[in-house]
Amino acid sequence: MQSEATRLKVAQLNLFHPPQVSIRWETLPREIQQQSVHLLARLLRDHCARSLAHPEGQEFGNE
């Protein structure tokens, strides 16, 4: 009979290892670059709006 350690030995995915191929910003299509900048700008605006609406020290939502 196989031991439990032997039976559970399964190949694991490399989820947290750096990608083998790095993607350079300059090589992305112009549309992807524009969408990325738009989404990052929206993220920053939303973050600033929440920070101003709930100054430090006040609770936010269920936190």
PDB file of N, CA and C in Angstrom:
ATOM      1  N   MET A   1       0.850  -1.191   0.000  1.00  0.00           N
ATOM      2  CA  MET A   1       0.000   0.000   0.000  1.00  0.00           C
ATOM      3  C   MET A   1       0.891   1.247   0.000  1.00  0.00           C
ATOM      4  N   GLN A   2       0.519   2.249  -0.796  1.00  0.00           N
ATOM      5  CA  GLN A   2       1.292   3.477  -0.875  1.00  0.00           C
ATOM      6  C   GLN A   2       1.054   4.337   0.356  1.00  0.00           C
ATOM      7  N   SER A   3       2.102   5.021   0.766  1.00  0.00           N
ATOM      8  CA  SER A   3       1.929   5.917   1.903  1.00  0.00           C
ATOM      9  C   SER A   3       1.137   7.136   1.461  1.00  0.00           C
ATOM     10  N   GLU A   4       0.567   7.833   2.443  1.00  0.00           N
ATOM     11  CA  GLU A   4      -0.247   9.028   2.136  1.00  0.00           C
ATOM     12  C   GLU A   4       0.585  10.103   1.453  1.00  0.00           C
ATOM     13  N   ALA A   5       1.834  10.281   1.868  1.00  0.00           N
ATOM     14  CA  ALA A   5       2.708  11.285   1.272  1.00  0.00           C
ATOM     15  C   ALA A   5       2.943  10.996  -0.200  1.00  0.00           C
ATOM     16  N   THR A   6       3.076   9.724  -0.558  1.00  0.00           N
ATOM     17  CA  THR A   6       3.313   9.355  -1.953  1.00  0.00           C
ATOM     18  C   THR A   6       2.058   9.585  -2.787  1.00  0.00           C
ATOM     19  N   ARG A   7       0.902   9.231  -2.260  1.00  0.00           N
ATOM     20  CA  ARG A   7      -0.344   9.398  -3.002  1.00  0.00           C
ATOM     21  C   ARG A   7      -0.678  10.868  -3.226  1.00  0.00           C
ATOM     22  N   LEU A   8      -0.347  11.727  -2.276  1.00  0.00           N
ATOM     23  CA  LEU A   8      -0.702  13.135  -2.384  1.00  0.00           C
ATOM     24  C   LEU A   8       0.305  13.960  -3.177  1.00  0.00           C
ATOM     25  N   LYS A   9       1.362  13.327  -3.630  1.00  0.00           N
ATOM     26  CA  LYS A   9       2.385  14.061  -4.369  1.00  0.00           C
ATOM     27  C   LYS A   9       1.834  14.380  -5.767  1.00  0.00           C
ATOM     28  N   VAL A  10       1.506  15.637  -5.958  1.00  0.00           N
ATOM     29  CA  VAL A  10       0.902  16.083  -7.206  1.00  0.00           C
ATOM     30  C   VAL A  10       1.715  17.261  -7.718  1.00  0.00           C
ATOM     31  N   ALA A  11       1.865  17.337  -9.020  1.00  0.00           N
ATOM     32  CA  ALA A  11       2.584  18.479  -9.592  1.00  0.00           C
ATOM     33  C   ALA A  11       1.778  19.742  -9.330  1.00  0.00           C
ATOM     34  N   GLN A  12       2.436  20.775  -8.828  1.00  0.00           N
ATOM     35  CA  GLN A  12       1.759  22.026  -8.513  1.00  0.00           C
ATOM     36  C   GLN A  12       2.010  23.051  -9.606  1.00  0.00           C
ATOM     37  N   LEU A  13       1.023  23.877  -9.836  1.00  0.00           N
ATOM     38  CA  LEU A  13       1.164  24.947 -10.814  1.00  0.00           C
ATOM     39  C   LEU A  13       2.096  26.023 -10.271  1.00  0.00           C
ATOM     40  N   ASN A  14       2.775  26.687 -11.139  1.00  0.00           N
ATOM     41  CA  ASN A  14       3.674  27.768 -10.754  1.00  0.00           C
ATOM     42  C   ASN A  14       2.918  29.096 -10.761  1.00  0.00           C
ATOM     43  N   LEU A  15       1.955  29.228  -9.862  1.00  0.00           N
ATOM     44  CA  LEU A  15       1.111  30.422  -9.841  1.00  0.00           C
ATOM     45  C   LEU A  15       1.861  31.674  -9.439  1.00  0.00           C
ATOM     46  N   PHE A  16       2.841  31.561  -8.571  1.00  0.00           N
ATOM     47  CA  PHE A  16       3.488  32.737  -8.018  1.00  0.00           C
ATOM     48  C   PHE A  16       4.906  32.936  -8.549  1.00  0.00           C
ATOM     49  N   HIS A  17       5.248  32.213  -9.573  1.00  0.00           N
ATOM     50  CA  HIS A  17       6.552  32.388 -10.189  1.00  0.00           C
ATOM     51  C   HIS A  17       6.445  33.464 -11.272  1.00  0.00           C
ATOM     52  N   PRO A  18       7.498  34.213 -11.512  1.00  0.00           N
ATOM     53  CA  PRO A  18       7.435  35.243 -12.545  1.00  0.00           C
ATOM     54  C   PRO A  18       7.186  34.610 -13.910  1.00  0.00           C
ATOM     55  N   PRO A  19       6.502  35.317 -14.786  1.00  0.00           N
ATOM     56  CA  PRO A  19       6.223  34.760 -16.114  1.00  0.00           C
ATOM     57  C   PRO A  19       7.525  34.529 -16.880  1.00  0.00           C
ATOM     58  N   GLN A  20       7.501  33.555 -17.751  1.00  0.00           N
ATOM     59  CA  GLN A  20       8.682  33.232 -18.544  1.00  0.00           C
ATOM     60  C   GLN A  20       8.986  34.328 -19.561  1.00  0.00           C
ATOM     61  N   VAL A  21       7.946  34.939 -20.095  1.00  0.00           N
ATOM     62  CA  VAL A  21       8.113  35.989 -21.099  1.00  0.00           C
ATOM     63  C   VAL A  21       7.564  37.283 -20.517  1.00  0.00           C
ATOM     64  N   SER A  22       8.373  38.308 -20.521  1.00  0.00           N
ATOM     65  CA  SER A  22       7.877  39.582 -20.015  1.00  0.00           C
ATOM     66  C   SER A  22       7.312  40.404 -21.179  1.00  0.00           C
ATOM     67  N   ILE A  23       6.201  41.043 -20.915  1.00  0.00           N
ATOM     68  CA  ILE A  23       5.532  41.846 -21.929  1.00  0.00           C
ATOM     69  C   ILE A  23       5.961  43.293 -21.742  1.00  0.00           C
ATOM     70  N   ARG A  24       6.409  43.899 -22.793  1.00  0.00           N
ATOM     71  CA  ARG A  24       6.834  45.289 -22.738  1.00  0.00           C
ATOM     72  C   ARG A  24       5.670  46.185 -23.129  1.00  0.00           C
ATOM     73  N   TRP A  25       5.530  47.291 -22.396  1.00  0.00           N
ATOM     74  CA  TRP A  25       4.457  48.253 -22.628  1.00  0.00           C
ATOM     75  C   TRP A  25       4.430  48.704 -24.082  1.00  0.00           C
ATOM     76  N   GLU A  26       5.599  48.956 -24.635  1.00  0.00           N
ATOM     77  CA  GLU A  26       5.697  49.478 -25.998  1.00  0.00           C
ATOM     78  C   GLU A  26       5.180  48.493 -27.037  1.00  0.00           C
ATOM     79  N   THR A  27       5.176  47.197 -26.718  1.00  0.00           N
ATOM     80  CA  THR A  27       4.747  46.198 -27.692  1.00  0.00           C
ATOM     81  C   THR A  27       3.245  45.932 -27.631  1.00  0.00           C
ATOM     82  N   LEU A  28       2.572  46.449 -26.610  1.00  0.00           N
ATOM     83  CA  LEU A  28       1.126  46.263 -26.528  1.00  0.00           C
ATOM     84  C   LEU A  28       0.439  47.101 -27.596  1.00  0.00           C
ATOM     85  N   PRO A  29      -0.676  46.616 -28.108  1.00  0.00           N
ATOM     86  CA  PRO A  29      -1.424  47.414 -29.084  1.00  0.00           C
ATOM     87  C   PRO A  29      -1.865  48.745 -28.463  1.00  0.00           C
ATOM     88  N   ARG A  30      -1.956  49.767 -29.280  1.00  0.00           N
ATOM     89  CA  ARG A  30      -2.317  51.119 -28.829  1.00  0.00           C
ATOM     90  C   ARG A  30      -3.644  51.108 -28.072  1.00  0.00           C
ATOM     91  N   GLU A  31      -4.601  50.325 -28.535  1.00  0.00           N
ATOM     92  CA  GLU A  31      -5.920  50.257 -27.883  1.00  0.00           C
ATOM     93  C   GLU A  31      -5.800  49.725 -26.454  1.00  0.00           C
ATOM     94  N   ILE A  32      -4.972  48.717 -26.259  1.00  0.00           N
ATOM     95  CA  ILE A  32      -4.773  48.142 -24.922  1.00  0.00           C
ATOM     96  C   ILE A  32      -4.085  49.152 -24.017  1.00  0.00           C
ATOM     97  N   GLN A  33      -3.112  49.876 -24.532  1.00  0.00           N
ATOM     98  CA  GLN A  33      -2.432  50.907 -23.749  1.00  0.00           C
ATOM     99  C   GLN A  33      -3.438  51.969 -23.300  1.00  0.00           C
ATOM    100  N   GLN A  34      -4.289  52.423 -24.220  1.00  0.00           N
ATOM    101  CA  GLN A  34      -5.267  53.463 -23.890  1.00  0.00           C
ATOM    102  C   GLN A  34      -6.282  52.968 -22.862  1.00  0.00           C
ATOM    103  N   GLN A  35      -6.747  51.741 -23.016  1.00  0.00           N
ATOM    104  CA  GLN A  35      -7.707  51.186 -22.053  1.00  0.00           C
ATOM    105  C   GLN A  35      -7.064  51.033 -20.675  1.00  0.00           C
ATOM    106  N   SER A  36      -5.813  50.615 -20.641  1.00  0.00           N
ATOM    107  CA  SER A  36      -5.110  50.451 -19.370  1.00  0.00           C
ATOM    108  C   SER A  36      -4.955  51.785 -18.653  1.00  0.00           C
ATOM    109  N   VAL A  37      -4.560  52.814 -19.388  1.00  0.00           N
ATOM    110  CA  VAL A  37      -4.402  54.141 -18.792  1.00  0.00           C
ATOM    111  C   VAL A  37      -5.751  54.648 -18.290  1.00  0.00           C
ATOM    112  N   HIS A  38      -6.798  54.448 -19.072  1.00  0.00           N
ATOM    113  CA  HIS A  38      -8.138  54.885 -18.667  1.00  0.00           C
ATOM    114  C   HIS A  38      -8.569  54.184 -17.373  1.00  0.00           C
ATOM    115  N   LEU A  39      -8.364  52.873 -17.287  1.00  0.00           N
ATOM    116  CA  LEU A  39      -8.765  52.128 -16.093  1.00  0.00           C
ATOM    117  C   LEU A  39      -7.937  52.525 -14.870  1.00  0.00           C
ATOM    118  N   LEU A  40      -6.643  52.746 -15.057  1.00  0.00           N
ATOM    119  CA  LEU A  40      -5.800  53.177 -13.936  1.00  0.00           C
ATOM    120  C   LEU A  40      -6.208  54.564 -13.443  1.00  0.00           C
ATOM    121  N   ALA A  41      -6.525  55.465 -14.372  1.00  0.00           N
ATOM    122  CA  ALA A  41      -6.971  56.803 -13.986  1.00  0.00           C
ATOM    123  C   ALA A  41      -8.280  56.719 -13.205  1.00  0.00           C
ATOM    124  N   ARG A  42      -9.195  55.866 -13.657  1.00  0.00           N
ATOM    125  CA  ARG A  42     -10.474  55.708 -12.948  1.00  0.00           C
ATOM    126  C   ARG A  42     -10.248  55.134 -11.554  1.00  0.00           C
ATOM    127  N   LEU A  43      -9.343  54.179 -11.442  1.00  0.00           N
ATOM    128  CA  LEU A  43      -9.015  53.596 -10.141  1.00  0.00           C
ATOM    129  C   LEU A  43      -8.480  54.653  -9.192  1.00  0.00           C
ATOM    130  N   LEU A  44      -7.586  55.502  -9.680  1.00  0.00           N
ATOM    131  CA  LEU A  44      -7.030  56.566  -8.841  1.00  0.00           C
ATOM    132  C   LEU A  44      -8.094  57.586  -8.447  1.00  0.00           C
ATOM    133  N   ARG A  45      -8.958  57.974  -9.391  1.00  0.00           N
ATOM    134  CA  ARG A  45     -10.035  58.923  -9.065  1.00  0.00           C
ATOM    135  C   ARG A  45     -10.970  58.348  -8.011  1.00  0.00           C
ATOM    136  N   ASP A  46     -11.348  57.086  -8.174  1.00  0.00           N
ATOM    137  CA  ASP A  46     -12.238  56.440  -7.202  1.00  0.00           C
ATOM    138  C   ASP A  46     -11.583  56.358  -5.827  1.00  0.00           C
ATOM    139  N   HIS A  47     -10.298  56.032  -5.807  1.00  0.00           N
ATOM    140  CA  HIS A  47      -9.579  55.943  -4.535  1.00  0.00           C
ATOM    141  C   HIS A  47      -9.529  57.307  -3.847  1.00  0.00           C
ATOM    142  N   CYS A  48      -9.231  58.352  -4.618  1.00  0.00           N
ATOM    143  CA  CYS A  48      -9.182  59.703  -4.040  1.00  0.00           C
ATOM    144  C   CYS A  48     -10.551  60.118  -3.514  1.00  0.00           C
ATOM    145  N   ALA A  49     -11.589  59.816  -4.271  1.00  0.00           N
ATOM    146  CA  ALA A  49     -12.936  60.182  -3.849  1.00  0.00           C
ATOM    147  C   ALA A  49     -13.304  59.482  -2.540  1.00  0.00           C
ATOM    148  N   ARG A  50     -12.954  58.214  -2.422  1.00  0.00           N
ATOM    149  CA  ARG A  50     -13.252  57.486  -1.176  1.00  0.00           C
ATOM    150  C   ARG A  50     -12.424  58.023  -0.023  1.00  0.00           C
ATOM    151  N   SER A  51     -11.175  58.369  -0.295  1.00  0.00           N
ATOM    152  CA  SER A  51     -10.304  58.893   0.762  1.00  0.00           C
ATOM    153  C   SER A  51     -10.817  60.224   1.280  1.00  0.00           C
ATOM    154  N   LEU A  52     -11.312  61.066   0.390  1.00  0.00           N
ATOM    155  CA  LEU A  52     -11.831  62.366   0.802  1.00  0.00           C
ATOM    156  C   LEU A  52     -13.182  62.231   1.506  1.00  0.00           C
ATOM    157  N   ALA A  53     -13.975  61.263   1.084  1.00  0.00           N
ATOM    158  CA  ALA A  53     -15.287  61.059   1.689  1.00  0.00           C
ATOM    159  C   ALA A  53     -15.188  60.440   3.075  1.00  0.00           C
ATOM    160  N   HIS A  54     -14.141  59.683   3.318  1.00  0.00           N
ATOM    161  CA  HIS A  54     -13.959  59.001   4.595  1.00  0.00           C
ATOM    162  C   HIS A  54     -12.543  59.262   5.105  1.00  0.00           C
ATOM    163  N   PRO A  55     -12.334  60.396   5.744  1.00  0.00           N
ATOM    164  CA  PRO A  55     -10.992  60.715   6.245  1.00  0.00           C
ATOM    165  C   PRO A  55     -10.470  59.646   7.201  1.00  0.00           C
ATOM    166  N   GLU A  56      -9.171  59.595   7.356  1.00  0.00           N
ATOM    167  CA  GLU A  56      -8.538  58.616   8.226  1.00  0.00           C
ATOM    168  C   GLU A  56      -9.107  58.715   9.634  1.00  0.00           C
ATOM    169  N   GLY A  57      -9.333  57.576  10.237  1.00  0.00           N
ATOM    170  CA  GLY A  57      -9.859  57.551  11.594  1.00  0.00           C
ATOM    171  C   GLY A  57     -11.341  57.236  11.621  1.00  0.00           C
ATOM    172  N   GLN A  58     -12.043  57.485  10.522  1.00  0.00           N
ATOM    173  CA  GLN A  58     -13.453  57.142  10.469  1.00  0.00           C
ATOM    174  C   GLN A  58     -13.590  55.755   9.871  1.00  0.00           C
ATOM    175  N   GLU A  59     -14.622  55.031  10.299  1.00  0.00           N
ATOM    176  CA  GLU A  59     -14.826  53.700   9.756  1.00  0.00           C
ATOM    177  C   GLU A  59     -15.463  53.817   8.386  1.00  0.00           C
ATOM    178  N   PHE A  60     -15.138  52.830   7.559  1.00  0.00           N
ATOM    179  CA  PHE A  60     -15.642  52.784   6.189  1.00  0.00           C
ATOM    180  C   PHE A  60     -16.419  51.502   6.018  1.00  0.00           C
ATOM    181  N   GLY A  61     -17.699  51.593   5.750  1.00  0.00           N
ATOM    182  CA  GLY A  61     -18.524  50.412   5.527  1.00  0.00           C
ATOM    183  C   GLY A  61     -18.592  49.541   6.771  1.00  0.00           C
ATOM    184  N   ASN A  62     -18.306  48.264   6.588  1.00  0.00           N
ATOM    185  CA  ASN A  62     -18.374  47.289   7.681  1.00  0.00           C
ATOM    186  C   ASN A  62     -17.040  47.052   8.341  1.00  0.00           C
ATOM    187  N   GLU A  63     -16.059  47.859   8.039  1.00  0.00           N
ATOM    188  CA  GLU A  63     -14.729  47.643   8.595  1.00  0.00           C
ATOM    189  C   GLU A  63     -14.651  48.043  10.040  1.00  0.00           C
TER     190      GLU A  63
END
